Amino acid sequence: MNIVSMTFGPVLRKLRKTSGLTQEEIGEKLHISREYVSKLERGEREIKLADAIQWCQATSMPEIAAAILTGIDPSVIMNILDHLPIFLQTIGAAFAQKLVSYISVMFF
């Protein structure tokens, strides 16, 4: 399953920047080139669901992977990222990580 990058590109960029990673650093973590990272973030390439989950894990944001997996709209995810501390208090990072792990086992 692919996720349309035009919609998720800004989410990917915000995840990376919030985590303090450069395009090169996220590329190294995901074993992809900096150029490919740039194309994903600009919406020029589609990202597979499994890769989006890995992106969230590489940026230490399993909560966002849980949001993607549950079908939350990208604009809502951007709002979540803008208000991340409140979101973490609401659902808890440990719960989100367990949810991502469970869903990953079920679908991948």
N, C-alpha and C. Protein backbone atom coordinates (compact mmCIF):
# COMPACT_ATOMS: atom_id res chain seq x y z
N MET A 1 0.84 -1.18 0.00
CA MET A 1 0.00 0.00 0.00
C MET A 1 0.88 1.24 0.00
N ASN A 2 0.62 2.15 -0.91
CA ASN A 2 1.35 3.42 -0.98
C ASN A 2 0.50 4.54 -0.42
N ILE A 3 1.17 5.49 0.17
CA ILE A 3 0.50 6.69 0.66
C ILE A 3 0.86 7.80 -0.31
N VAL A 4 -0.10 8.58 -0.73
CA VAL A 4 0.18 9.66 -1.68
C VAL A 4 1.06 10.69 -0.98
N SER A 5 2.25 10.88 -1.53
CA SER A 5 3.23 11.76 -0.91
C SER A 5 2.85 13.23 -0.99
N MET A 6 2.08 13.61 -2.02
CA MET A 6 1.70 15.00 -2.13
C MET A 6 0.99 15.43 -0.84
N THR A 7 0.23 14.53 -0.27
CA THR A 7 -0.49 14.82 0.95
C THR A 7 0.40 14.67 2.17
N PHE A 8 1.27 13.67 2.16
CA PHE A 8 2.07 13.36 3.33
C PHE A 8 3.47 13.98 3.31
N GLY A 9 3.89 14.57 2.19
CA GLY A 9 5.21 15.18 2.12
C GLY A 9 5.47 16.18 3.24
N PRO A 10 4.54 17.12 3.47
CA PRO A 10 4.76 18.07 4.55
C PRO A 10 4.82 17.39 5.93
N VAL A 11 4.07 16.32 6.09
CA VAL A 11 4.11 15.57 7.36
C VAL A 11 5.49 14.95 7.55
N LEU A 12 6.01 14.34 6.49
CA LEU A 12 7.34 13.72 6.57
C LEU A 12 8.40 14.77 6.91
N ARG A 13 8.33 15.91 6.24
CA ARG A 13 9.30 16.99 6.49
C ARG A 13 9.20 17.47 7.94
N LYS A 14 7.97 17.68 8.41
CA LYS A 14 7.78 18.18 9.77
C LYS A 14 8.29 17.16 10.80
N LEU A 15 8.04 15.87 10.57
CA LEU A 15 8.56 14.84 11.46
C LEU A 15 10.07 14.91 11.54
N ARG A 16 10.70 15.00 10.36
CA ARG A 16 12.16 15.03 10.31
C ARG A 16 12.71 16.26 11.03
N LYS A 17 12.15 17.42 10.72
CA LYS A 17 12.65 18.65 11.33
C LYS A 17 12.39 18.70 12.82
N THR A 18 11.22 18.21 13.26
CA THR A 18 10.90 18.18 14.69
C THR A 18 11.89 17.31 15.44
N SER A 19 12.36 16.26 14.78
CA SER A 19 13.33 15.35 15.40
C SER A 19 14.76 15.87 15.30
N GLY A 20 14.96 16.98 14.59
CA GLY A 20 16.29 17.57 14.48
C GLY A 20 17.21 16.83 13.53
N LEU A 21 16.62 16.08 12.59
CA LEU A 21 17.43 15.33 11.62
C LEU A 21 17.53 16.08 10.31
N THR A 22 18.68 15.93 9.65
CA THR A 22 18.83 16.47 8.30
C THR A 22 18.29 15.44 7.32
N GLN A 23 18.15 15.84 6.06
CA GLN A 23 17.71 14.88 5.04
C GLN A 23 18.72 13.75 4.90
N GLU A 24 20.00 14.07 5.02
CA GLU A 24 21.03 13.03 4.94
C GLU A 24 20.91 12.05 6.09
N GLU A 25 20.67 12.56 7.30
CA GLU A 25 20.58 11.68 8.48
C GLU A 25 19.38 10.75 8.40
N ILE A 26 18.21 11.27 7.99
CA ILE A 26 17.04 10.39 7.88
C ILE A 26 17.26 9.39 6.75
N GLY A 27 17.92 9.85 5.67
CA GLY A 27 18.23 8.94 4.57
C GLY A 27 19.11 7.79 5.01
N GLU A 28 20.12 8.08 5.83
CA GLU A 28 21.00 7.03 6.35
C GLU A 28 20.22 6.04 7.22
N LYS A 29 19.33 6.55 8.06
CA LYS A 29 18.55 5.68 8.94
C LYS A 29 17.62 4.76 8.13
N LEU A 30 17.12 5.27 7.01
CA LEU A 30 16.16 4.51 6.21
C LEU A 30 16.80 3.83 4.99
N HIS A 31 18.11 4.03 4.83
CA HIS A 31 18.86 3.45 3.71
C HIS A 31 18.33 3.94 2.36
N ILE A 32 18.08 5.24 2.30
CA ILE A 32 17.68 5.88 1.04
C ILE A 32 18.53 7.14 0.86
N SER A 33 18.60 7.64 -0.35
CA SER A 33 19.44 8.82 -0.62
C SER A 33 18.78 10.10 -0.13
N ARG A 34 19.60 11.12 0.08
CA ARG A 34 19.10 12.43 0.46
C ARG A 34 18.18 12.98 -0.62
N GLU A 35 18.52 12.71 -1.87
CA GLU A 35 17.71 13.18 -2.99
C GLU A 35 16.32 12.56 -2.95
N TYR A 36 16.25 11.26 -2.61
CA TYR A 36 14.96 10.58 -2.53
C TYR A 36 14.14 11.14 -1.36
N VAL A 37 14.81 11.42 -0.24
CA VAL A 37 14.14 12.04 0.92
C VAL A 37 13.52 13.36 0.48
N SER A 38 14.28 14.16 -0.25
CA SER A 38 13.80 15.45 -0.73
C SER A 38 12.56 15.28 -1.61
N LYS A 39 12.59 14.32 -2.51
CA LYS A 39 11.45 14.08 -3.40
C LYS A 39 10.22 13.62 -2.63
N LEU A 40 10.42 12.80 -1.60
CA LEU A 40 9.30 12.38 -0.76
C LEU A 40 8.69 13.57 -0.04
N GLU A 41 9.54 14.41 0.51
CA GLU A 41 9.06 15.57 1.25
C GLU A 41 8.36 16.61 0.36
N ARG A 42 8.76 16.67 -0.90
CA ARG A 42 8.13 17.61 -1.84
C ARG A 42 6.91 17.01 -2.51
N GLY A 43 6.62 15.74 -2.24
CA GLY A 43 5.47 15.08 -2.83
C GLY A 43 5.69 14.60 -4.24
N GLU A 44 6.96 14.47 -4.66
CA GLU A 44 7.27 14.02 -6.02
C GLU A 44 7.33 12.49 -6.11
N ARG A 45 7.33 11.82 -4.99
CA ARG A 45 7.34 10.36 -4.93
C ARG A 45 6.33 9.90 -3.89
N GLU A 46 5.76 8.71 -4.12
CA GLU A 46 4.86 8.11 -3.14
C GLU A 46 5.67 7.29 -2.15
N ILE A 47 5.19 7.22 -0.94
CA ILE A 47 5.88 6.45 0.09
C ILE A 47 5.01 5.24 0.46
N LYS A 48 5.63 4.10 0.60
CA LYS A 48 4.91 2.90 1.02
C LYS A 48 4.55 3.04 2.49
N LEU A 49 3.45 2.42 2.86
CA LEU A 49 3.00 2.50 4.25
C LEU A 49 4.07 2.00 5.20
N ALA A 50 4.72 0.89 4.87
CA ALA A 50 5.78 0.35 5.74
C ALA A 50 6.92 1.35 5.89
N ASP A 51 7.26 2.06 4.81
CA ASP A 51 8.32 3.07 4.87
C ASP A 51 7.90 4.28 5.70
N ALA A 52 6.62 4.64 5.62
CA ALA A 52 6.13 5.75 6.44
C ALA A 52 6.23 5.40 7.93
N ILE A 53 5.94 4.14 8.24
CA ILE A 53 6.05 3.69 9.63
C ILE A 53 7.51 3.74 10.07
N GLN A 54 8.42 3.29 9.21
CA GLN A 54 9.84 3.34 9.54
C GLN A 54 10.30 4.79 9.71
N TRP A 55 9.78 5.70 8.89
CA TRP A 55 10.11 7.11 9.01
C TRP A 55 9.71 7.61 10.39
N CYS A 56 8.51 7.24 10.81
CA CYS A 56 8.02 7.66 12.14
C CYS A 56 8.89 7.07 13.25
N GLN A 57 9.31 5.83 13.09
CA GLN A 57 10.17 5.21 14.09
C GLN A 57 11.54 5.86 14.11
N ALA A 58 12.07 6.19 12.93
CA ALA A 58 13.39 6.83 12.84
C ALA A 58 13.39 8.22 13.46
N THR A 59 12.23 8.86 13.45
CA THR A 59 12.11 10.19 14.04
C THR A 59 11.57 10.13 15.47
N SER A 60 11.47 8.92 16.01
CA SER A 60 10.99 8.70 17.39
C SER A 60 9.59 9.26 17.61
N MET A 61 8.73 9.06 16.62
CA MET A 61 7.36 9.55 16.73
C MET A 61 6.36 8.44 16.38
N PRO A 62 6.30 7.38 17.19
CA PRO A 62 5.37 6.29 16.90
C PRO A 62 3.92 6.73 16.95
N GLU A 63 3.64 7.81 17.64
CA GLU A 63 2.26 8.32 17.72
C GLU A 63 1.76 8.70 16.33
N ILE A 64 2.65 9.24 15.52
CA ILE A 64 2.25 9.65 14.17
C ILE A 64 2.03 8.43 13.30
N ALA A 65 2.82 7.39 13.50
CA ALA A 65 2.59 6.14 12.76
C ALA A 65 1.22 5.59 13.11
N ALA A 66 0.86 5.65 14.40
CA ALA A 66 -0.46 5.19 14.82
C ALA A 66 -1.55 6.02 14.14
N ALA A 67 -1.34 7.32 14.03
CA ALA A 67 -2.31 8.20 13.38
C ALA A 67 -2.45 7.84 11.90
N ILE A 68 -1.32 7.59 11.22
CA ILE A 68 -1.35 7.22 9.80
C ILE A 68 -2.07 5.89 9.63
N LEU A 69 -1.74 4.92 10.47
CA LEU A 69 -2.34 3.59 10.37
C LEU A 69 -3.84 3.59 10.63
N THR A 70 -4.30 4.50 11.43
CA THR A 70 -5.73 4.55 11.72
C THR A 70 -6.49 5.43 10.73
N GLY A 71 -5.78 5.97 9.74
CA GLY A 71 -6.43 6.71 8.66
C GLY A 71 -6.74 8.16 8.96
N ILE A 72 -6.04 8.72 9.92
CA ILE A 72 -6.27 10.13 10.23
C ILE A 72 -5.77 11.00 9.09
N ASP A 73 -6.54 12.00 8.72
CA ASP A 73 -6.22 12.90 7.62
C ASP A 73 -4.88 13.61 7.85
N PRO A 74 -4.06 13.78 6.79
CA PRO A 74 -2.76 14.43 6.94
C PRO A 74 -2.83 15.83 7.57
N SER A 75 -3.88 16.59 7.28
CA SER A 75 -3.98 17.92 7.88
C SER A 75 -4.17 17.82 9.39
N VAL A 76 -4.85 16.78 9.84
CA VAL A 76 -5.02 16.56 11.28
C VAL A 76 -3.67 16.16 11.88
N ILE A 77 -2.91 15.33 11.15
CA ILE A 77 -1.59 14.93 11.63
C ILE A 77 -0.68 16.15 11.77
N MET A 78 -0.75 17.07 10.81
CA MET A 78 0.05 18.29 10.92
C MET A 78 -0.35 19.08 12.16
N ASN A 79 -1.63 19.13 12.43
CA ASN A 79 -2.11 19.81 13.63
C ASN A 79 -1.59 19.10 14.88
N ILE A 80 -1.57 17.78 14.84
CA ILE A 80 -1.03 17.00 15.96
C ILE A 80 0.43 17.35 16.18
N LEU A 81 1.19 17.42 15.11
CA LEU A 81 2.62 17.75 15.24
C LEU A 81 2.81 19.16 15.80
N ASP A 82 1.92 20.05 15.43
CA ASP A 82 2.01 21.41 15.96
C ASP A 82 1.70 21.45 17.46
N HIS A 83 0.92 20.48 17.92
CA HIS A 83 0.51 20.43 19.32
C HIS A 83 0.95 19.13 19.98
N LEU A 84 2.12 18.63 19.59
CA LEU A 84 2.61 17.33 20.03
C LEU A 84 2.63 17.13 21.55
N PRO A 85 3.10 18.07 22.34
CA PRO A 85 3.12 17.81 23.80
C PRO A 85 1.74 17.47 24.36
N ILE A 86 0.71 18.18 23.89
CA ILE A 86 -0.65 17.90 24.37
C ILE A 86 -1.10 16.52 23.89
N PHE A 87 -0.78 16.18 22.64
CA PHE A 87 -1.13 14.88 22.08
C PHE A 87 -0.49 13.75 22.86
N LEU A 88 0.79 13.88 23.19
CA LEU A 88 1.49 12.85 23.95
C LEU A 88 0.87 12.66 25.33
N GLN A 89 0.47 13.73 25.95
CA GLN A 89 -0.18 13.63 27.25
C GLN A 89 -1.52 12.91 27.12
N THR A 90 -2.18 13.11 26.00
CA THR A 90 -3.51 12.53 25.81
C THR A 90 -3.45 11.03 25.60
N ILE A 91 -2.63 10.55 24.65
CA ILE A 91 -2.63 9.11 24.37
C ILE A 91 -1.47 8.37 25.00
N GLY A 92 -0.40 9.06 25.27
CA GLY A 92 0.77 8.42 25.86
C GLY A 92 1.61 7.72 24.81
N ALA A 93 2.89 8.00 24.82
CA ALA A 93 3.82 7.44 23.83
C ALA A 93 3.91 5.92 23.94
N ALA A 94 3.86 5.38 25.15
CA ALA A 94 3.96 3.92 25.32
C ALA A 94 2.79 3.22 24.65
N PHE A 95 1.59 3.76 24.81
CA PHE A 95 0.42 3.17 24.17
C PHE A 95 0.54 3.23 22.65
N ALA A 96 0.98 4.37 22.13
CA ALA A 96 1.13 4.53 20.69
C ALA A 96 2.15 3.54 20.14
N GLN A 97 3.26 3.33 20.83
CA GLN A 97 4.28 2.38 20.38
C GLN A 97 3.71 0.97 20.34
N LYS A 98 2.95 0.59 21.35
CA LYS A 98 2.33 -0.74 21.38
C LYS A 98 1.35 -0.90 20.23
N LEU A 99 0.57 0.14 19.96
CA LEU A 99 -0.39 0.09 18.86
C LEU A 99 0.33 -0.08 17.53
N VAL A 100 1.39 0.67 17.30
CA VAL A 100 2.16 0.56 16.06
C VAL A 100 2.75 -0.84 15.92
N SER A 101 3.31 -1.37 16.99
CA SER A 101 3.90 -2.72 16.96
C SER A 101 2.83 -3.76 16.62
N TYR A 102 1.69 -3.65 17.25
CA TYR A 102 0.60 -4.59 17.01
C TYR A 102 0.12 -4.54 15.57
N ILE A 103 -0.12 -3.34 15.08
CA ILE A 103 -0.60 -3.19 13.71
C ILE A 103 0.46 -3.63 12.72
N SER A 104 1.73 -3.34 12.99
CA SER A 104 2.81 -3.76 12.09
C SER A 104 2.86 -5.27 11.97
N VAL A 105 2.68 -5.97 13.07
CA VAL A 105 2.67 -7.44 13.06
C VAL A 105 1.50 -7.96 12.26
N MET A 106 0.36 -7.30 12.42
CA MET A 106 -0.86 -7.74 11.74
C MET A 106 -0.78 -7.57 10.22
N PHE A 107 -0.15 -6.47 9.75
CA PHE A 107 -0.21 -6.14 8.34
C PHE A 107 1.10 -6.34 7.57
N PHE A 108 2.22 -6.51 8.28
CA PHE A 108 3.49 -6.60 7.56
C PHE A 108 4.15 -7.88 7.90
